[in-house]
C-alpha cells in the first residue's frame, strides 16, 4: 500500500489561524497561505502568556510565521 500524502494545511494571512476549509471561520477571510512555519496550539488564551503576547483571544491552532 503506497504511503498517504498529507494534505498541506492552509493558514489565514489575517489572523494566522490554521484552517481546514477554504476560508477562515473566525475572521471570514479567504486570503490563505500554504507557506507558513511554526505551530502553536492555544487552549486557554486568558491564562497563556504567549497568547497575550501574540494578541490571541480565542483558542485554536495558529502559525507563528505566515508568508
C-alpha atoms as a PDB file:
ATOM      1  CA  UNK A   1       0.000   0.000   0.000  1.00  0.00           C
ATOM      2  CA  UNK A   2       1.523   3.358  -1.030  1.00  0.00           C
ATOM      3  CA  UNK A   3       2.019   5.996   1.686  1.00  0.00           C
ATOM      4  CA  UNK A   4      -0.687   8.611   2.011  1.00  0.00           C
ATOM      5  CA  UNK A   5       0.082  12.153   1.056  1.00  0.00           C
ATOM      6  CA  UNK A   6      -0.589  14.599   3.851  1.00  0.00           C
ATOM      7  CA  UNK A   7      -2.848  17.461   2.901  1.00  0.00           C
ATOM      8  CA  UNK A   8      -0.997  20.742   3.330  1.00  0.00           C
ATOM      9  CA  UNK A   9      -2.899  22.844   5.834  1.00  0.00           C
ATOM     10  CA  UNK A  10      -3.523  26.480   4.999  1.00  0.00           C
ATOM     11  CA  UNK A  11      -3.234  29.472   7.283  1.00  0.00           C
ATOM     12  CA  UNK A  12      -5.227  32.701   7.328  1.00  0.00           C
ATOM     13  CA  UNK A  13      -2.959  35.629   6.491  1.00  0.00           C
ATOM     14  CA  UNK A  14      -5.103  37.971   8.622  1.00  0.00           C
ATOM     15  CA  UNK A  15      -5.210  36.123  11.953  1.00  0.00           C
ATOM     16  CA  UNK A  16      -2.594  33.317  11.493  1.00  0.00           C
ATOM     17  CA  UNK A  17      -5.186  30.629  12.333  1.00  0.00           C
ATOM     18  CA  UNK A  18      -4.711  27.189  10.757  1.00  0.00           C
ATOM     19  CA  UNK A  19      -7.853  26.463   8.728  1.00  0.00           C
ATOM     20  CA  UNK A  20      -9.320  23.263   7.315  1.00  0.00           C
ATOM     21  CA  UNK A  21     -11.557  24.714   4.594  1.00  0.00           C
ATOM     22  CA  UNK A  22     -11.221  27.448   2.025  1.00  0.00           C
ATOM     23  CA  UNK A  23     -11.987  30.350   4.392  1.00  0.00           C
ATOM     24  CA  UNK A  24     -11.200  31.294   7.986  1.00  0.00           C
ATOM     25  CA  UNK A  25     -14.138  30.551  10.267  1.00  0.00           C
ATOM     26  CA  UNK A  26     -13.116  33.264  12.749  1.00  0.00           C
ATOM     27  CA  UNK A  27     -12.392  36.344  10.632  1.00  0.00           C
ATOM     28  CA  UNK A  28     -14.111  35.168   7.426  1.00  0.00           C
ATOM     29  CA  UNK A  29     -11.122  35.866   5.193  1.00  0.00           C
ATOM     30  CA  UNK A  30     -10.312  33.669   2.219  1.00  0.00           C
ATOM     31  CA  UNK A  31      -6.787  35.134   1.987  1.00  0.00           C
ATOM     32  CA  UNK A  32      -4.981  31.893   2.858  1.00  0.00           C
ATOM     33  CA  UNK A  33      -1.373  30.782   2.543  1.00  0.00           C
ATOM     34  CA  UNK A  34       0.261  27.374   2.433  1.00  0.00           C
ATOM     35  CA  UNK A  35       3.681  28.920   3.081  1.00  0.00           C
ATOM     36  CA  UNK A  36       3.982  29.093   6.859  1.00  0.00           C
ATOM     37  CA  UNK A  37       6.224  27.976   9.723  1.00  0.00           C
ATOM     38  CA  UNK A  38       5.829  27.213  13.428  1.00  0.00           C
ATOM     39  CA  UNK A  39       2.788  25.665  15.052  1.00  0.00           C
ATOM     40  CA  UNK A  40       1.088  26.888  18.212  1.00  0.00           C
ATOM     41  CA  UNK A  41      -1.947  25.375  19.920  1.00  0.00           C
ATOM     42  CA  UNK A  42      -3.691  27.694  22.379  1.00  0.00           C
ATOM     43  CA  UNK A  43      -6.120  26.008  24.748  1.00  0.00           C
ATOM     44  CA  UNK A  44      -6.679  28.709  27.369  1.00  0.00           C
ATOM     45  CA  UNK A  45      -5.827  32.140  25.908  1.00  0.00           C
ATOM     46  CA  UNK A  46      -6.813  34.044  29.074  1.00  0.00           C
ATOM     47  CA  UNK A  47      -4.113  32.290  31.119  1.00  0.00           C
ATOM     48  CA  UNK A  48      -1.494  31.972  28.365  1.00  0.00           C
ATOM     49  CA  UNK A  49       1.350  34.483  28.366  1.00  0.00           C
ATOM     50  CA  UNK A  50       2.225  33.539  24.773  1.00  0.00           C
ATOM     51  CA  UNK A  51      -1.364  34.105  23.608  1.00  0.00           C
ATOM     52  CA  UNK A  52      -1.399  37.504  25.320  1.00  0.00           C
ATOM     53  CA  UNK A  53       1.905  38.465  23.692  1.00  0.00           C
ATOM     54  CA  UNK A  54       0.606  37.446  20.255  1.00  0.00           C
ATOM     55  CA  UNK A  55      -2.815  39.053  20.745  1.00  0.00           C
ATOM     56  CA  UNK A  56      -4.715  35.758  20.559  1.00  0.00           C
ATOM     57  CA  UNK A  57      -8.113  35.890  22.271  1.00  0.00           C
ATOM     58  CA  UNK A  58      -9.728  32.607  21.132  1.00  0.00           C
ATOM     59  CA  UNK A  59      -8.444  29.038  21.486  1.00  0.00           C
ATOM     60  CA  UNK A  60      -7.220  27.283  18.368  1.00  0.00           C
ATOM     61  CA  UNK A  61      -4.297  26.317  16.160  1.00  0.00           C
ATOM     62  CA  UNK A  62      -2.010  29.075  14.881  1.00  0.00           C
ATOM     63  CA  UNK A  63       1.054  29.545  12.688  1.00  0.00           C
ATOM     64  CA  UNK A  64       3.899  31.603  14.075  1.00  0.00           C
ATOM     65  CA  UNK A  65       5.097  32.913  10.714  1.00  0.00           C
ATOM     66  CA  UNK A  66       2.997  33.286   7.548  1.00  0.00           C
ATOM     67  CA  UNK A  67       4.483  34.255   4.211  1.00  0.00           C
END
